[in-house]
PDB file of all heavy atoms in Angstrom:
ATOM      1  N   VAL A   1     -39.749   2.742  54.591  1.00  0.00           N
ATOM      2  CA  VAL A   1     -39.534   3.564  55.783  1.00  0.00           C
ATOM      3  C   VAL A   1     -40.832   4.239  56.221  1.00  0.00           C
ATOM      4  O   VAL A   1     -41.070   4.450  57.415  1.00  0.00           O
ATOM      5  CB  VAL A   1     -38.439   4.618  55.507  1.00  0.00           C
ATOM      6  CG1 VAL A   1     -38.417   5.686  56.584  1.00  0.00           C
ATOM      7  CG2 VAL A   1     -37.080   3.944  55.399  1.00  0.00           C
ATOM      8  N   LEU A   2     -41.696   4.566  55.266  1.00  0.00           N
ATOM      9  CA  LEU A   2     -42.949   5.253  55.583  1.00  0.00           C
ATOM     10  C   LEU A   2     -43.969   4.331  56.239  1.00  0.00           C
ATOM     11  O   LEU A   2     -45.009   4.788  56.717  1.00  0.00           O
ATOM     12  CB  LEU A   2     -43.544   5.873  54.317  1.00  0.00           C
ATOM     13  CG  LEU A   2     -42.688   6.950  53.642  1.00  0.00           C
ATOM     14  CD1 LEU A   2     -43.329   7.405  52.341  1.00  0.00           C
ATOM     15  CD2 LEU A   2     -42.470   8.131  54.574  1.00  0.00           C
ATOM     16  N   ASN A   3     -43.694   3.047  56.225  1.00  0.00           N
ATOM     17  CA  ASN A   3     -44.497   2.071  56.973  1.00  0.00           C
ATOM     18  C   ASN A   3     -45.928   1.954  56.470  1.00  0.00           C
ATOM     19  O   ASN A   3     -46.835   1.568  57.217  1.00  0.00           O
ATOM     20  CB  ASN A   3     -44.509   2.424  58.466  1.00  0.00           C
ATOM     21  CG  ASN A   3     -44.806   1.230  59.348  1.00  0.00           C
ATOM     22  OD1 ASN A   3     -44.436   0.106  59.003  1.00  0.00           O
ATOM     23  ND2 ASN A   3     -45.448   1.454  60.471  1.00  0.00           N
ATOM     24  N   GLY A   4     -46.157   2.318  55.219  1.00  0.00           N
ATOM     25  CA  GLY A   4     -47.488   2.162  54.642  1.00  0.00           C
ATOM     26  C   GLY A   4     -48.509   3.180  55.087  1.00  0.00           C
ATOM     27  O   GLY A   4     -49.691   3.082  54.742  1.00  0.00           O
ATOM     28  N   ASN A   5     -48.091   4.169  55.867  1.00  0.00           N
ATOM     29  CA  ASN A   5     -49.038   5.180  56.344  1.00  0.00           C
ATOM     30  C   ASN A   5     -49.341   6.194  55.242  1.00  0.00           C
ATOM     31  O   ASN A   5     -48.429   6.750  54.634  1.00  0.00           O
ATOM     32  CB  ASN A   5     -48.472   5.915  57.561  1.00  0.00           C
ATOM     33  CG  ASN A   5     -48.246   4.985  58.733  1.00  0.00           C
ATOM     34  OD1 ASN A   5     -49.002   4.046  58.934  1.00  0.00           O
ATOM     35  ND2 ASN A   5     -47.205   5.232  59.505  1.00  0.00           N
ATOM     36  N   ALA A   6     -50.624   6.418  54.990  1.00  0.00           N
ATOM     37  CA  ALA A   6     -51.021   7.399  53.981  1.00  0.00           C
ATOM     38  C   ALA A   6     -50.861   8.810  54.539  1.00  0.00           C
ATOM     39  O   ALA A   6     -51.293   9.101  55.653  1.00  0.00           O
ATOM     40  CB  ALA A   6     -52.466   7.164  53.551  1.00  0.00           C
ATOM     41  N   ALA A   7     -50.219   9.681  53.777  1.00  0.00           N
ATOM     42  CA  ALA A   7     -50.076  11.073  54.195  1.00  0.00           C
ATOM     43  C   ALA A   7     -51.400  11.807  53.992  1.00  0.00           C
ATOM     44  O   ALA A   7     -52.276  11.356  53.253  1.00  0.00           O
ATOM     45  CB  ALA A   7     -48.975  11.744  53.386  1.00  0.00           C
ATOM     46  N   THR A   8     -51.532  12.951  54.648  1.00  0.00           N
ATOM     47  CA  THR A   8     -52.709  13.801  54.459  1.00  0.00           C
ATOM     48  C   THR A   8     -52.400  14.812  53.376  1.00  0.00           C
ATOM     49  O   THR A   8     -51.431  15.566  53.461  1.00  0.00           O
ATOM     50  CB  THR A   8     -53.075  14.537  55.761  1.00  0.00           C
ATOM     51  OG1 THR A   8     -53.317  13.570  56.787  1.00  0.00           O
ATOM     52  CG2 THR A   8     -54.320  15.388  55.557  1.00  0.00           C
ATOM     53  N   GLY A   9     -53.237  14.812  52.329  1.00  0.00           N
ATOM     54  CA  GLY A   9     -53.000  15.690  51.202  1.00  0.00           C
ATOM     55  C   GLY A   9     -53.358  17.135  51.485  1.00  0.00           C
ATOM     56  O   GLY A   9     -53.730  17.508  52.603  1.00  0.00           O
ATOM     57  N   LEU A  10     -53.268  17.977  50.457  1.00  0.00           N
ATOM     58  CA  LEU A  10     -53.486  19.408  50.634  1.00  0.00           C
ATOM     59  C   LEU A  10     -54.958  19.794  50.668  1.00  0.00           C
ATOM     60  O   LEU A  10     -55.292  20.974  50.742  1.00  0.00           O
ATOM     61  CB  LEU A  10     -52.767  20.203  49.538  1.00  0.00           C
ATOM     62  CG  LEU A  10     -51.318  20.594  49.878  1.00  0.00           C
ATOM     63  CD1 LEU A  10     -50.444  19.365  50.001  1.00  0.00           C
ATOM     64  CD2 LEU A  10     -50.743  21.545  48.843  1.00  0.00           C
ATOM     65  N   ASN A  11     -55.832  18.803  50.589  1.00  0.00           N
ATOM     66  CA  ASN A  11     -57.255  19.051  50.801  1.00  0.00           C
ATOM     67  C   ASN A  11     -57.823  18.063  51.805  1.00  0.00           C
ATOM     68  O   ASN A  11     -58.969  17.622  51.696  1.00  0.00           O
ATOM     69  CB  ASN A  11     -58.032  18.997  49.486  1.00  0.00           C
ATOM     70  CG  ASN A  11     -58.100  20.347  48.804  1.00  0.00           C
ATOM     71  OD1 ASN A  11     -58.179  21.377  49.463  1.00  0.00           O
ATOM     72  ND2 ASN A  11     -58.047  20.358  47.492  1.00  0.00           N
ATOM     73  N   ASP A  12     -56.976  17.668  52.778  1.00  0.00           N
ATOM     74  CA  ASP A  12     -57.363  16.781  53.872  1.00  0.00           C
ATOM     75  C   ASP A  12     -57.672  15.360  53.423  1.00  0.00           C
ATOM     76  O   ASP A  12     -58.195  14.570  54.201  1.00  0.00           O
ATOM     77  CB  ASP A  12     -58.578  17.336  54.641  1.00  0.00           C
ATOM     78  CG  ASP A  12     -58.214  18.563  55.458  1.00  0.00           C
ATOM     79  OD1 ASP A  12     -57.052  18.667  55.866  1.00  0.00           O
ATOM     80  OD2 ASP A  12     -59.094  19.412  55.678  1.00  0.00           O
ATOM     81  N   GLU A  13     -57.351  15.010  52.179  1.00  0.00           N
ATOM     82  CA  GLU A  13     -57.622  13.671  51.694  1.00  0.00           C
ATOM     83  C   GLU A  13     -56.371  12.806  51.839  1.00  0.00           C
ATOM     84  O   GLU A  13     -55.256  13.323  51.848  1.00  0.00           O
ATOM     85  CB  GLU A  13     -58.063  13.723  50.223  1.00  0.00           C
ATOM     86  CG  GLU A  13     -56.939  13.901  49.207  1.00  0.00           C
ATOM     87  CD  GLU A  13     -56.288  15.266  49.190  1.00  0.00           C
ATOM     88  OE1 GLU A  13     -56.751  16.160  49.923  1.00  0.00           O
ATOM     89  OE2 GLU A  13     -55.309  15.443  48.432  1.00  0.00           O
ATOM     90  N   PRO A  14     -56.527  11.472  51.972  1.00  0.00           N
ATOM     91  CA  PRO A  14     -55.338  10.608  52.038  1.00  0.00           C
ATOM     92  C   PRO A  14     -54.543  10.685  50.735  1.00  0.00           C
ATOM     93  O   PRO A  14     -55.116  10.772  49.646  1.00  0.00           O
ATOM     94  CB  PRO A  14     -55.928   9.199  52.243  1.00  0.00           C
ATOM     95  CG  PRO A  14     -57.317   9.429  52.726  1.00  0.00           C
ATOM     96  CD  PRO A  14     -57.771  10.709  52.104  1.00  0.00           C
ATOM     97  N   ASP A  15     -53.246  10.664  50.849  1.00  0.00           N
ATOM     98  CA  ASP A  15     -52.362  10.696  49.689  1.00  0.00           C
ATOM     99  C   ASP A  15     -51.377   9.542  49.820  1.00  0.00           C
ATOM    100  O   ASP A  15     -50.519   9.540  50.690  1.00  0.00           O
ATOM    101  CB  ASP A  15     -51.617  12.026  49.607  1.00  0.00           C
ATOM    102  CG  ASP A  15     -50.860  12.182  48.293  1.00  0.00           C
ATOM    103  OD1 ASP A  15     -49.873  11.441  48.096  1.00  0.00           O
ATOM    104  OD2 ASP A  15     -51.241  13.026  47.478  1.00  0.00           O
ATOM    105  N   THR A  16     -51.518   8.555  48.963  1.00  0.00           N
ATOM    106  CA  THR A  16     -50.659   7.377  49.024  1.00  0.00           C
ATOM    107  C   THR A  16     -49.648   7.405  47.891  1.00  0.00           C
ATOM    108  O   THR A  16     -49.732   8.232  46.973  1.00  0.00           O
ATOM    109  CB  THR A  16     -51.483   6.086  48.914  1.00  0.00           C
ATOM    110  OG1 THR A  16     -51.975   5.949  47.571  1.00  0.00           O
ATOM    111  CG2 THR A  16     -52.663   6.108  49.879  1.00  0.00           C
ATOM    112  N   LEU A  17     -48.712   6.480  47.947  1.00  0.00           N
ATOM    113  CA  LEU A  17     -47.720   6.320  46.878  1.00  0.00           C
ATOM    114  C   LEU A  17     -48.063   5.122  45.996  1.00  0.00           C
ATOM    115  O   LEU A  17     -47.175   4.495  45.416  1.00  0.00           O
ATOM    116  CB  LEU A  17     -46.323   6.157  47.487  1.00  0.00           C
ATOM    117  CG  LEU A  17     -45.759   7.427  48.140  1.00  0.00           C
ATOM    118  CD1 LEU A  17     -44.441   7.129  48.830  1.00  0.00           C
ATOM    119  CD2 LEU A  17     -45.570   8.539  47.114  1.00  0.00           C
ATOM    120  N   ALA A  18     -49.332   4.820  45.889  1.00  0.00           N
ATOM    121  CA  ALA A  18     -49.773   3.716  45.029  1.00  0.00           C
ATOM    122  C   ALA A  18     -49.329   3.970  43.588  1.00  0.00           C
ATOM    123  O   ALA A  18     -49.525   5.056  43.052  1.00  0.00           O
ATOM    124  CB  ALA A  18     -51.291   3.584  45.096  1.00  0.00           C
ATOM    125  N   GLY A  19     -48.717   2.968  42.981  1.00  0.00           N
ATOM    126  CA  GLY A  19     -48.248   3.090  41.604  1.00  0.00           C
ATOM    127  C   GLY A  19     -46.905   3.770  41.453  1.00  0.00           C
ATOM    128  O   GLY A  19     -46.382   3.877  40.340  1.00  0.00           O
ATOM    129  N   TYR A  20     -46.333   4.240  42.546  1.00  0.00           N
ATOM    130  CA  TYR A  20     -45.031   4.923  42.524  1.00  0.00           C
ATOM    131  C   TYR A  20     -43.950   3.906  42.181  1.00  0.00           C
ATOM    132  O   TYR A  20     -43.813   2.875  42.842  1.00  0.00           O
ATOM    133  CB  TYR A  20     -44.808   5.521  43.908  1.00  0.00           C
ATOM    134  CG  TYR A  20     -43.559   6.333  44.124  1.00  0.00           C
ATOM    135  CD1 TYR A  20     -43.061   7.188  43.152  1.00  0.00           C
ATOM    136  CD2 TYR A  20     -42.902   6.275  45.349  1.00  0.00           C
ATOM    137  CE1 TYR A  20     -41.937   7.951  43.387  1.00  0.00           C
ATOM    138  CE2 TYR A  20     -41.772   7.037  45.603  1.00  0.00           C
ATOM    139  CZ  TYR A  20     -41.300   7.869  44.621  1.00  0.00           C
ATOM    140  OH  TYR A  20     -40.180   8.629  44.862  1.00  0.00           O
ATOM    141  N   ARG A  21     -43.167   4.190  41.143  1.00  0.00           N
ATOM    142  CA  ARG A  21     -42.176   3.210  40.692  1.00  0.00           C
ATOM    143  C   ARG A  21     -41.070   3.912  39.924  1.00  0.00           C
ATOM    144  O   ARG A  21     -41.172   5.091  39.592  1.00  0.00           O
ATOM    145  CB  ARG A  21     -42.822   2.147  39.802  1.00  0.00           C
ATOM    146  CG  ARG A  21     -43.364   2.698  38.491  1.00  0.00           C
ATOM    147  CD  ARG A  21     -44.261   1.716  37.783  1.00  0.00           C
ATOM    148  NE  ARG A  21     -44.626   2.145  36.440  1.00  0.00           N
ATOM    149  CZ  ARG A  21     -45.562   3.036  36.162  1.00  0.00           C
ATOM    150  NH1 ARG A  21     -46.234   3.609  37.131  1.00  0.00           N
ATOM    151  NH2 ARG A  21     -45.835   3.367  34.906  1.00  0.00           N
ATOM    152  N   SER A  22     -40.012   3.145  39.641  1.00  0.00           N
ATOM    153  CA  SER A  22     -38.899   3.656  38.850  1.00  0.00           C
ATOM    154  C   SER A  22     -38.590   2.686  37.718  1.00  0.00           C
ATOM    155  O   SER A  22     -38.608   1.473  37.928  1.00  0.00           O
ATOM    156  CB  SER A  22     -37.658   3.833  39.731  1.00  0.00           C
ATOM    157  OG  SER A  22     -36.523   4.118  38.921  1.00  0.00           O
ATOM    158  N   PRO A  23     -38.297   3.202  36.528  1.00  0.00           N
ATOM    159  CA  PRO A  23     -37.916   2.318  35.432  1.00  0.00           C
ATOM    160  C   PRO A  23     -36.449   1.889  35.496  1.00  0.00           C
ATOM    161  O   PRO A  23     -36.006   1.066  34.707  1.00  0.00           O
ATOM    162  CB  PRO A  23     -38.178   3.177  34.194  1.00  0.00           C
ATOM    163  CG  PRO A  23     -37.937   4.581  34.674  1.00  0.00           C
ATOM    164  CD  PRO A  23     -38.396   4.610  36.106  1.00  0.00           C
ATOM    165  N   MET A  24     -35.692   2.461  36.454  1.00  0.00           N
ATOM    166  CA  MET A  24     -34.259   2.181  36.539  1.00  0.00           C
ATOM    167  C   MET A  24     -33.975   1.170  37.645  1.00  0.00           C
ATOM    168  O   MET A  24     -34.671   1.117  38.654  1.00  0.00           O
ATOM    169  CB  MET A  24     -33.492   3.474  36.804  1.00  0.00           C
ATOM    170  CG  MET A  24     -33.713   4.544  35.753  1.00  0.00           C
ATOM    171  SD  MET A  24     -32.850   6.095  36.129  1.00  0.00           S
ATOM    172  CE  MET A  24     -33.772   6.660  37.564  1.00  0.00           C
ATOM    173  N   HIS A  25     -32.942   0.390  37.425  1.00  0.00           N
ATOM    174  CA  HIS A  25     -32.556  -0.607  38.415  1.00  0.00           C
ATOM    175  C   HIS A  25     -31.061  -0.492  38.712  1.00  0.00           C
ATOM    176  O   HIS A  25     -30.280  -0.023  37.884  1.00  0.00           O
ATOM    177  CB  HIS A  25     -32.894  -2.016  37.922  1.00  0.00           C
ATOM    178  CG  HIS A  25     -34.364  -2.294  37.898  1.00  0.00           C
ATOM    179  ND1 HIS A  25     -35.059  -2.731  38.993  1.00  0.00           N
ATOM    180  CD2 HIS A  25     -35.280  -2.147  36.893  1.00  0.00           C
ATOM    181  CE1 HIS A  25     -36.339  -2.866  38.679  1.00  0.00           C
ATOM    182  NE2 HIS A  25     -36.501  -2.513  37.416  1.00  0.00           N
ATOM    183  N   GLY A  26     -30.692  -0.911  39.902  1.00  0.00           N
ATOM    184  CA  GLY A  26     -29.294  -0.832  40.315  1.00  0.00           C
ATOM    185  C   GLY A  26     -29.076  -1.631  41.590  1.00  0.00           C
ATOM    186  O   GLY A  26     -29.820  -2.559  41.897  1.00  0.00           O
ATOM    187  N   ARG A  27     -28.077  -1.225  42.348  1.00  0.00           N
ATOM    188  CA  ARG A  27     -27.732  -1.957  43.556  1.00  0.00           C
ATOM    189  C   ARG A  27     -28.738  -1.684  44.672  1.00  0.00           C
ATOM    190  O   ARG A  27     -29.288  -0.600  44.785  1.00  0.00           O
ATOM    191  CB  ARG A  27     -26.336  -1.537  44.034  1.00  0.00           C
ATOM    192  CG  ARG A  27     -25.240  -1.820  43.014  1.00  0.00           C
ATOM    193  CD  ARG A  27     -23.908  -1.304  43.537  1.00  0.00           C
ATOM    194  NE  ARG A  27     -22.854  -1.433  42.542  1.00  0.00           N
ATOM    195  CZ  ARG A  27     -21.618  -0.986  42.699  1.00  0.00           C
ATOM    196  NH1 ARG A  27     -21.291  -0.361  43.827  1.00  0.00           N
ATOM    197  NH2 ARG A  27     -20.715  -1.146  41.750  1.00  0.00           N
ATOM    198  N   ARG A  28     -28.911  -2.689  45.510  1.00  0.00           N
ATOM    199  CA  ARG A  28     -29.766  -2.502  46.680  1.00  0.00           C
ATOM    200  C   ARG A  28     -29.059  -1.619  47.705  1.00  0.00           C
ATOM    201  O   ARG A  28     -27.840  -1.644  47.823  1.00  0.00           O
ATOM    202  CB  ARG A  28     -30.098  -3.853  47.309  1.00  0.00           C
ATOM    203  CG  ARG A  28     -31.003  -4.726  46.438  1.00  0.00           C
ATOM    204  CD  ARG A  28     -31.377  -5.995  47.176  1.00  0.00           C
ATOM    205  NE  ARG A  28     -32.280  -6.818  46.390  1.00  0.00           N
ATOM    206  CZ  ARG A  28     -32.812  -7.952  46.816  1.00  0.00           C
ATOM    207  NH1 ARG A  28     -32.511  -8.392  48.038  1.00  0.00           N
ATOM    208  NH2 ARG A  28     -33.624  -8.639  46.041  1.00  0.00           N
ATOM    209  N   PRO A  29     -29.832  -0.855  48.483  1.00  0.00           N
ATOM    210  CA  PRO A  29     -29.215  -0.062  49.554  1.00  0.00           C
ATOM    211  C   PRO A  29     -28.481  -0.959  50.548  1.00  0.00           C
ATOM    212  O   PRO A  29     -28.889  -2.094  50.803  1.00  0.00           O
ATOM    213  CB  PRO A  29     -30.417   0.624  50.213  1.00  0.00           C
ATOM    214  CG  PRO A  29     -31.463   0.665  49.145  1.00  0.00           C
ATOM    215  CD  PRO A  29     -31.276  -0.589  48.350  1.00  0.00           C
ATOM    216  N   VAL A  30     -27.409  -0.423  51.092  1.00  0.00           N
ATOM    217  CA  VAL A  30     -26.612  -1.143  52.084  1.00  0.00           C
ATOM    218  C   VAL A  30     -26.950  -0.590  53.466  1.00  0.00           C
ATOM    219  O   VAL A  30     -26.864   0.617  53.694  1.00  0.00           O
ATOM    220  CB  VAL A  30     -25.100  -0.975  51.804  1.00  0.00           C
ATOM    221  CG1 VAL A  30     -24.280  -1.604  52.920  1.00  0.00           C
ATOM    222  CG2 VAL A  30     -24.746  -1.582  50.456  1.00  0.00           C
ATOM    223  N   VAL A  31     -27.349  -1.468  54.386  1.00  0.00           N
ATOM    224  CA  VAL A  31     -27.639  -1.073  55.767  1.00  0.00           C
ATOM    225  C   VAL A  31     -26.638  -1.792  56.665  1.00  0.00           C
ATOM    226  O   VAL A  31     -26.589  -3.020  56.699  1.00  0.00           O
ATOM    227  CB  VAL A  31     -29.081  -1.437  56.168  1.00  0.00           C
ATOM    228  CG1 VAL A  31     -29.354  -1.009  57.607  1.00  0.00           C
ATOM    229  CG2 VAL A  31     -30.082  -0.791  55.214  1.00  0.00           C
ATOM    230  N   ARG A  32     -25.824  -1.011  57.388  1.00  0.00           N
ATOM    231  CA  ARG A  32     -24.742  -1.611  58.180  1.00  0.00           C
ATOM    232  C   ARG A  32     -24.725  -1.056  59.601  1.00  0.00           C
ATOM    233  O   ARG A  32     -24.965   0.135  59.812  1.00  0.00           O
ATOM    234  CB  ARG A  32     -23.387  -1.330  57.522  1.00  0.00           C
ATOM    235  CG  ARG A  32     -23.225  -1.911  56.123  1.00  0.00           C
ATOM    236  CD  ARG A  32     -21.906  -1.487  55.510  1.00  0.00           C
ATOM    237  NE  ARG A  32     -20.763  -1.972  56.292  1.00  0.00           N
ATOM    238  CZ  ARG A  32     -19.501  -1.576  56.079  1.00  0.00           C
ATOM    239  NH1 ARG A  32     -19.243  -0.663  55.147  1.00  0.00           N
ATOM    240  NH2 ARG A  32     -18.524  -2.063  56.809  1.00  0.00           N
ATOM    241  N   GLY A  33     -24.435  -1.948  60.567  1.00  0.00           N
ATOM    242  CA  GLY A  33     -24.288  -1.549  61.955  1.00  0.00           C
ATOM    243  C   GLY A  33     -22.837  -1.622  62.386  1.00  0.00           C
ATOM    244  O   GLY A  33     -22.060  -2.437  61.868  1.00  0.00           O
ATOM    245  N   PHE A  34     -22.454  -0.772  63.341  1.00  0.00           N
ATOM    246  CA  PHE A  34     -21.061  -0.697  63.799  1.00  0.00           C
ATOM    247  C   PHE A  34     -21.021  -0.654  65.327  1.00  0.00           C
ATOM    248  O   PHE A  34     -21.926  -0.113  65.965  1.00  0.00           O
ATOM    249  CB  PHE A  34     -20.379   0.538  63.207  1.00  0.00           C
ATOM    250  CG  PHE A  34     -20.408   0.564  61.705  1.00  0.00           C
ATOM    251  CD1 PHE A  34     -21.441   1.208  61.028  1.00  0.00           C
ATOM    252  CD2 PHE A  34     -19.433  -0.098  60.967  1.00  0.00           C
ATOM    253  CE1 PHE A  34     -21.485   1.203  59.645  1.00  0.00           C
ATOM    254  CE2 PHE A  34     -19.473  -0.102  59.578  1.00  0.00           C
ATOM    255  CZ  PHE A  34     -20.503   0.551  58.919  1.00  0.00           C
ATOM    256  N   PRO A  35     -19.961  -1.213  65.910  1.00  0.00           N
ATOM    257  CA  PRO A  35     -19.898  -1.306  67.378  1.00  0.00           C
ATOM    258  C   PRO A  35     -19.713   0.034  68.076  1.00  0.00           C
ATOM    259  O   PRO A  35     -19.954   0.135  69.273  1.00  0.00           O
ATOM    260  CB  PRO A  35     -18.701  -2.229  67.616  1.00  0.00           C
ATOM    261  CG  PRO A  35     -17.845  -2.069  66.394  1.00  0.00           C
ATOM    262  CD  PRO A  35     -18.819  -1.875  65.261  1.00  0.00           C
ATOM    263  N   SER A  36     -19.262   1.056  67.367  1.00  0.00           N
ATOM    264  CA  SER A  36     -19.020   2.351  68.001  1.00  0.00           C
ATOM    265  C   SER A  36     -19.155   3.452  66.966  1.00  0.00           C
ATOM    266  O   SER A  36     -19.149   3.209  65.753  1.00  0.00           O
ATOM    267  CB  SER A  36     -17.611   2.401  68.603  1.00  0.00           C
ATOM    268  OG  SER A  36     -16.634   2.348  67.571  1.00  0.00           O
ATOM    269  N   ARG A  37     -19.248   4.702  67.462  1.00  0.00           N
ATOM    270  CA  ARG A  37     -19.319   5.840  66.558  1.00  0.00           C
ATOM    271  C   ARG A  37     -18.037   5.981  65.759  1.00  0.00           C
ATOM    272  O   ARG A  37     -18.056   6.303  64.565  1.00  0.00           O
ATOM    273  CB  ARG A  37     -19.576   7.117  67.366  1.00  0.00           C
ATOM    274  CG  ARG A  37     -19.837   8.342  66.513  1.00  0.00           C
ATOM    275  CD  ARG A  37     -21.161   8.244  65.777  1.00  0.00           C
ATOM    276  NE  ARG A  37     -22.270   8.128  66.717  1.00  0.00           N
ATOM    277  CZ  ARG A  37     -23.449   7.596  66.411  1.00  0.00           C
ATOM    278  NH1 ARG A  37     -23.661   7.122  65.200  1.00  0.00           N
ATOM    279  NH2 ARG A  37     -24.417   7.530  67.316  1.00  0.00           N
ATOM    280  N   ALA A  38     -16.907   5.714  66.393  1.00  0.00           N
ATOM    281  CA  ALA A  38     -15.625   5.813  65.690  1.00  0.00           C
ATOM    282  C   ALA A  38     -15.570   4.823  64.536  1.00  0.00           C
ATOM    283  O   ALA A  38     -15.103   5.151  63.437  1.00  0.00           O
ATOM    284  CB  ALA A  38     -14.474   5.577  66.661  1.00  0.00           C
ATOM    285  N   ALA A  39     -16.047   3.594  64.781  1.00  0.00           N
ATOM    286  CA  ALA A  39     -16.045   2.579  63.724  1.00  0.00           C
ATOM    287  C   ALA A  39     -16.978   2.989  62.584  1.00  0.00           C
ATOM    288  O   ALA A  39     -16.688   2.745  61.399  1.00  0.00           O
ATOM    289  CB  ALA A  39     -16.470   1.230  64.296  1.00  0.00           C
ATOM    290  N   GLU A  40     -18.084   3.616  62.940  1.00  0.00           N
ATOM    291  CA  GLU A  40     -19.018   4.077  61.912  1.00  0.00           C
ATOM    292  C   GLU A  40     -18.382   5.156  61.042  1.00  0.00           C
ATOM    293  O   GLU A  40     -18.511   5.140  59.808  1.00  0.00           O
ATOM    294  CB  GLU A  40     -20.285   4.616  62.576  1.00  0.00           C
ATOM    295  CG  GLU A  40     -21.330   5.108  61.584  1.00  0.00           C
ATOM    296  CD  GLU A  40     -22.571   5.653  62.265  1.00  0.00           C
ATOM    297  OE1 GLU A  40     -22.685   5.517  63.502  1.00  0.00           O
ATOM    298  OE2 GLU A  40     -23.432   6.226  61.561  1.00  0.00           O
ATOM    299  N   LEU A  41     -17.670   6.073  61.649  1.00  0.00           N
ATOM    300  CA  LEU A  41     -17.019   7.140  60.885  1.00  0.00           C
ATOM    301  C   LEU A  41     -15.890   6.588  60.029  1.00  0.00           C
ATOM    302  O   LEU A  41     -15.677   7.052  58.898  1.00  0.00           O
ATOM    303  CB  LEU A  41     -16.506   8.221  61.840  1.00  0.00           C
ATOM    304  CG  LEU A  41     -17.589   9.024  62.560  1.00  0.00           C
ATOM    305  CD1 LEU A  41     -16.968   9.942  63.600  1.00  0.00           C
ATOM    306  CD2 LEU A  41     -18.422   9.828  61.567  1.00  0.00           C
ATOM    307  N   ASP A  42     -15.143   5.601  60.547  1.00  0.00           N
ATOM    308  CA  ASP A  42     -14.097   4.961  59.729  1.00  0.00           C
ATOM    309  C   ASP A  42     -14.718   4.300  58.500  1.00  0.00           C
ATOM    310  O   ASP A  42     -14.172   4.396  57.387  1.00  0.00           O
ATOM    311  CB  ASP A  42     -13.351   3.910  60.558  1.00  0.00           C
ATOM    312  CG  ASP A  42     -12.435   4.522  61.609  1.00  0.00           C
ATOM    313  OD1 ASP A  42     -12.122   5.730  61.496  1.00  0.00           O
ATOM    314  OD2 ASP A  42     -12.036   3.795  62.536  1.00  0.00           O
ATOM    315  N   ALA A  43     -15.846   3.628  58.710  1.00  0.00           N
ATOM    316  CA  ALA A  43     -16.523   2.975  57.585  1.00  0.00           C
ATOM    317  C   ALA A  43     -17.047   4.000  56.583  1.00  0.00           C
ATOM    318  O   ALA A  43     -17.050   3.755  55.367  1.00  0.00           O
ATOM    319  CB  ALA A  43     -17.670   2.112  58.101  1.00  0.00           C
ATOM    320  N   LEU A  44     -17.482   5.147  57.093  1.00  0.00           N
ATOM    321  CA  LEU A  44     -17.939   6.209  56.201  1.00  0.00           C
ATOM    322  C   LEU A  44     -16.806   6.682  55.305  1.00  0.00           C
ATOM    323  O   LEU A  44     -16.985   6.841  54.082  1.00  0.00           O
ATOM    324  CB  LEU A  44     -18.478   7.377  57.021  1.00  0.00           C
ATOM    325  CG  LEU A  44     -18.849   8.634  56.226  1.00  0.00           C
ATOM    326  CD1 LEU A  44     -20.017   8.363  55.292  1.00  0.00           C
ATOM    327  CD2 LEU A  44     -19.164   9.798  57.167  1.00  0.00           C
ATOM    328  N   VAL A  45     -15.639   6.887  55.884  1.00  0.00           N
ATOM    329  CA  VAL A  45     -14.476   7.306  55.098  1.00  0.00           C
ATOM    330  C   VAL A  45     -14.173   6.264  54.029  1.00  0.00           C
ATOM    331  O   VAL A  45     -13.930   6.595  52.856  1.00  0.00           O
ATOM    332  CB  VAL A  45     -13.260   7.525  56.013  1.00  0.00           C
ATOM    333  CG1 VAL A  45     -11.995   7.748  55.177  1.00  0.00           C
ATOM    334  CG2 VAL A  45     -13.495   8.717  56.935  1.00  0.00           C
TER     335      VAL A  45
END
């Protein structure tokens, strides 16, 4: 989501997430589209 853009650190230096990782694994995030707001809320329920 961050699109590879380096943030500006607290001393004006670039701050990247290089090496950022997790030792845990699980399900992939689910991204879903719905035809209307009502359908989206039904799916949320």
